[in-house]
Amino acid sequence: MKRGRRSFSAEFKADAVSLVRQQGYTVAQACHALEIGETALRRWVAQVEAETAGLTPTGKAITPEQQRIQSLERQVNRLEMEKAILKKAATLLAEDVSLTMR
């Protein structure tokens, strides 16, 4: 029976990568122990290596530093949108006041 697509938390991915990078497991050994596919683990290892080198991931980050960066980037984007909305609202209010004063 074929399994459906599984999703893994960033913590699980980090732990799996740690088995390979820090604890000396081979990818095959780690995959067997965790019951995950080799392709997934190899992708996670490559992603952590890229994140450690300072590259921003295109998907969800695995390392805590990159997770924090992504969180701050989302916050900056939200604040920029709110600022743009407030600017437009201020412009509309100023126009409305100038029209009523005529």
C-alpha atoms as a PDB file:
ATOM      1  CA  MET A   1       0.000   0.000   0.000  1.00  0.00           C
ATOM      2  CA  LYS A   2       1.375   3.378  -0.988  1.00  0.00           C
ATOM      3  CA  ARG A   3       1.519   6.134   1.603  1.00  0.00           C
ATOM      4  CA  GLY A   4       0.220   9.612   0.972  1.00  0.00           C
ATOM      5  CA  ARG A   5       2.493  12.596   0.981  1.00  0.00           C
ATOM      6  CA  ARG A   6       3.864  13.235   4.450  1.00  0.00           C
ATOM      7  CA  SER A   7       4.993  16.541   5.849  1.00  0.00           C
ATOM      8  CA  PHE A   8       7.721  16.974   8.417  1.00  0.00           C
ATOM      9  CA  SER A   9       8.385  19.752  10.895  1.00  0.00           C
ATOM     10  CA  ALA A  10      11.511  21.860  10.688  1.00  0.00           C
ATOM     11  CA  GLU A  11      12.661  20.279  13.960  1.00  0.00           C
ATOM     12  CA  PHE A  12      12.354  16.770  12.522  1.00  0.00           C
ATOM     13  CA  LYS A  13      14.272  17.815   9.422  1.00  0.00           C
ATOM     14  CA  ALA A  14      16.996  19.428  11.523  1.00  0.00           C
ATOM     15  CA  ASP A  15      17.288  16.293  13.661  1.00  0.00           C
ATOM     16  CA  ALA A  16      17.481  14.080  10.577  1.00  0.00           C
ATOM     17  CA  VAL A  17      20.172  16.271   9.045  1.00  0.00           C
ATOM     18  CA  SER A  18      22.038  16.217  12.357  1.00  0.00           C
ATOM     19  CA  LEU A  19      22.259  12.430  12.160  1.00  0.00           C
ATOM     20  CA  VAL A  20      24.146  12.741   8.880  1.00  0.00           C
ATOM     21  CA  ARG A  21      26.212  15.883   9.448  1.00  0.00           C
ATOM     22  CA  GLN A  22      27.109  15.578  13.118  1.00  0.00           C
ATOM     23  CA  GLN A  23      26.567  12.011  14.256  1.00  0.00           C
ATOM     24  CA  GLY A  24      28.254  10.207  11.388  1.00  0.00           C
ATOM     25  CA  TYR A  25      25.306   8.279   9.975  1.00  0.00           C
ATOM     26  CA  THR A  26      25.232   7.664   6.263  1.00  0.00           C
ATOM     27  CA  VAL A  27      22.194   8.968   4.438  1.00  0.00           C
ATOM     28  CA  ALA A  28      20.992   5.399   3.925  1.00  0.00           C
ATOM     29  CA  GLN A  29      21.369   4.539   7.627  1.00  0.00           C
ATOM     30  CA  ALA A  30      19.540   7.678   8.738  1.00  0.00           C
ATOM     31  CA  CYS A  31      16.752   7.088   6.234  1.00  0.00           C
ATOM     32  CA  HIS A  32      16.313   3.509   7.380  1.00  0.00           C
ATOM     33  CA  ALA A  33      16.230   4.562  11.044  1.00  0.00           C
ATOM     34  CA  LEU A  34      13.731   7.371  10.419  1.00  0.00           C
ATOM     35  CA  GLU A  35      11.716   5.591   7.719  1.00  0.00           C
ATOM     36  CA  ILE A  36      12.035   8.417   5.219  1.00  0.00           C
ATOM     37  CA  GLY A  37      13.179   8.527   1.622  1.00  0.00           C
ATOM     38  CA  GLU A  38      16.784   9.189   0.694  1.00  0.00           C
ATOM     39  CA  THR A  39      15.858  11.910  -1.771  1.00  0.00           C
ATOM     40  CA  ALA A  40      14.115  13.906   0.948  1.00  0.00           C
ATOM     41  CA  LEU A  41      17.018  13.622   3.369  1.00  0.00           C
ATOM     42  CA  ARG A  42      19.580  14.505   0.711  1.00  0.00           C
ATOM     43  CA  ARG A  43      17.500  17.579  -0.160  1.00  0.00           C
ATOM     44  CA  TRP A  44      17.310  18.590   3.512  1.00  0.00           C
ATOM     45  CA  VAL A  45      21.065  18.155   3.966  1.00  0.00           C
ATOM     46  CA  ALA A  46      21.712  20.316   0.902  1.00  0.00           C
ATOM     47  CA  GLN A  47      19.248  22.929   2.157  1.00  0.00           C
ATOM     48  CA  VAL A  48      20.859  23.099   5.608  1.00  0.00           C
ATOM     49  CA  GLU A  49      24.300  23.406   4.013  1.00  0.00           C
ATOM     50  CA  ALA A  50      23.032  26.262   1.836  1.00  0.00           C
ATOM     51  CA  GLU A  51      21.330  27.959   4.797  1.00  0.00           C
ATOM     52  CA  THR A  52      24.502  27.611   6.858  1.00  0.00           C
ATOM     53  CA  ALA A  53      26.406  29.261   4.014  1.00  0.00           C
ATOM     54  CA  GLY A  54      24.000  32.203   4.262  1.00  0.00           C
ATOM     55  CA  LEU A  55      21.706  31.518   1.324  1.00  0.00           C
ATOM     56  CA  THR A  56      18.027  32.247   1.858  1.00  0.00           C
ATOM     57  CA  PRO A  57      15.857  29.209   1.096  1.00  0.00           C
ATOM     58  CA  THR A  58      13.009  29.482  -1.368  1.00  0.00           C
ATOM     59  CA  GLY A  59      10.754  27.303   0.783  1.00  0.00           C
ATOM     60  CA  LYS A  60      10.446  26.891   4.522  1.00  0.00           C
ATOM     61  CA  ALA A  61      13.718  27.252   6.377  1.00  0.00           C
ATOM     62  CA  ILE A  62      15.161  24.455   8.487  1.00  0.00           C
ATOM     63  CA  THR A  63      17.794  26.266  10.538  1.00  0.00           C
ATOM     64  CA  PRO A  64      16.586  28.511  13.385  1.00  0.00           C
ATOM     65  CA  GLU A  65      18.499  31.485  12.006  1.00  0.00           C
ATOM     66  CA  GLN A  66      16.842  31.271   8.610  1.00  0.00           C
ATOM     67  CA  GLN A  67      13.433  30.676  10.242  1.00  0.00           C
ATOM     68  CA  ARG A  68      13.936  33.916  12.187  1.00  0.00           C
ATOM     69  CA  ILE A  69      14.967  35.764   9.023  1.00  0.00           C
ATOM     70  CA  GLN A  70      11.868  34.525   7.189  1.00  0.00           C
ATOM     71  CA  SER A  71       9.675  35.556  10.109  1.00  0.00           C
ATOM     72  CA  LEU A  72      11.182  39.044  10.153  1.00  0.00           C
ATOM     73  CA  GLU A  73      10.824  39.361   6.372  1.00  0.00           C
ATOM     74  CA  ARG A  74       7.110  38.497   6.660  1.00  0.00           C
ATOM     75  CA  GLN A  75       6.743  41.072   9.411  1.00  0.00           C
ATOM     76  CA  VAL A  76       8.503  43.758   7.338  1.00  0.00           C
ATOM     77  CA  ASN A  77       6.254  43.017   4.347  1.00  0.00           C
ATOM     78  CA  ARG A  78       3.133  43.252   6.510  1.00  0.00           C
ATOM     79  CA  LEU A  79       4.269  46.544   8.032  1.00  0.00           C
ATOM     80  CA  GLU A  80       5.073  47.971   4.592  1.00  0.00           C
ATOM     81  CA  MET A  81       1.565  47.055   3.397  1.00  0.00           C
ATOM     82  CA  GLU A  82       0.035  48.667   6.480  1.00  0.00           C
ATOM     83  CA  LYS A  83       2.132  51.805   5.898  1.00  0.00           C
ATOM     84  CA  ALA A  84       0.962  51.999   2.274  1.00  0.00           C
ATOM     85  CA  ILE A  85      -2.665  51.627   3.377  1.00  0.00           C
ATOM     86  CA  LEU A  86      -2.270  54.375   5.969  1.00  0.00           C
ATOM     87  CA  LYS A  87      -0.640  56.668   3.399  1.00  0.00           C
ATOM     88  CA  LYS A  88      -3.572  56.170   1.031  1.00  0.00           C
ATOM     89  CA  ALA A  89      -6.050  56.746   3.850  1.00  0.00           C
ATOM     90  CA  ALA A  90      -4.290  59.963   4.881  1.00  0.00           C
ATOM     91  CA  THR A  91      -4.334  61.178   1.277  1.00  0.00           C
ATOM     92  CA  LEU A  92      -8.043  60.422   0.951  1.00  0.00           C
ATOM     93  CA  LEU A  93      -8.829  62.168   4.233  1.00  0.00           C
ATOM     94  CA  ALA A  94      -6.815  65.212   3.188  1.00  0.00           C
ATOM     95  CA  GLU A  95      -8.673  65.355  -0.128  1.00  0.00           C
ATOM     96  CA  ASP A  96     -12.006  64.991   1.652  1.00  0.00           C
ATOM     97  CA  VAL A  97     -11.164  67.815   4.073  1.00  0.00           C
ATOM     98  CA  SER A  98     -10.052  70.103   1.242  1.00  0.00           C
ATOM     99  CA  LEU A  99     -13.276  69.404  -0.668  1.00  0.00           C
ATOM    100  CA  THR A 100     -15.495  70.156   2.319  1.00  0.00           C
ATOM    101  CA  MET A 101     -13.652  73.437   2.999  1.00  0.00           C
ATOM    102  CA  ARG A 102     -14.429  74.853  -0.447  1.00  0.00           C
END
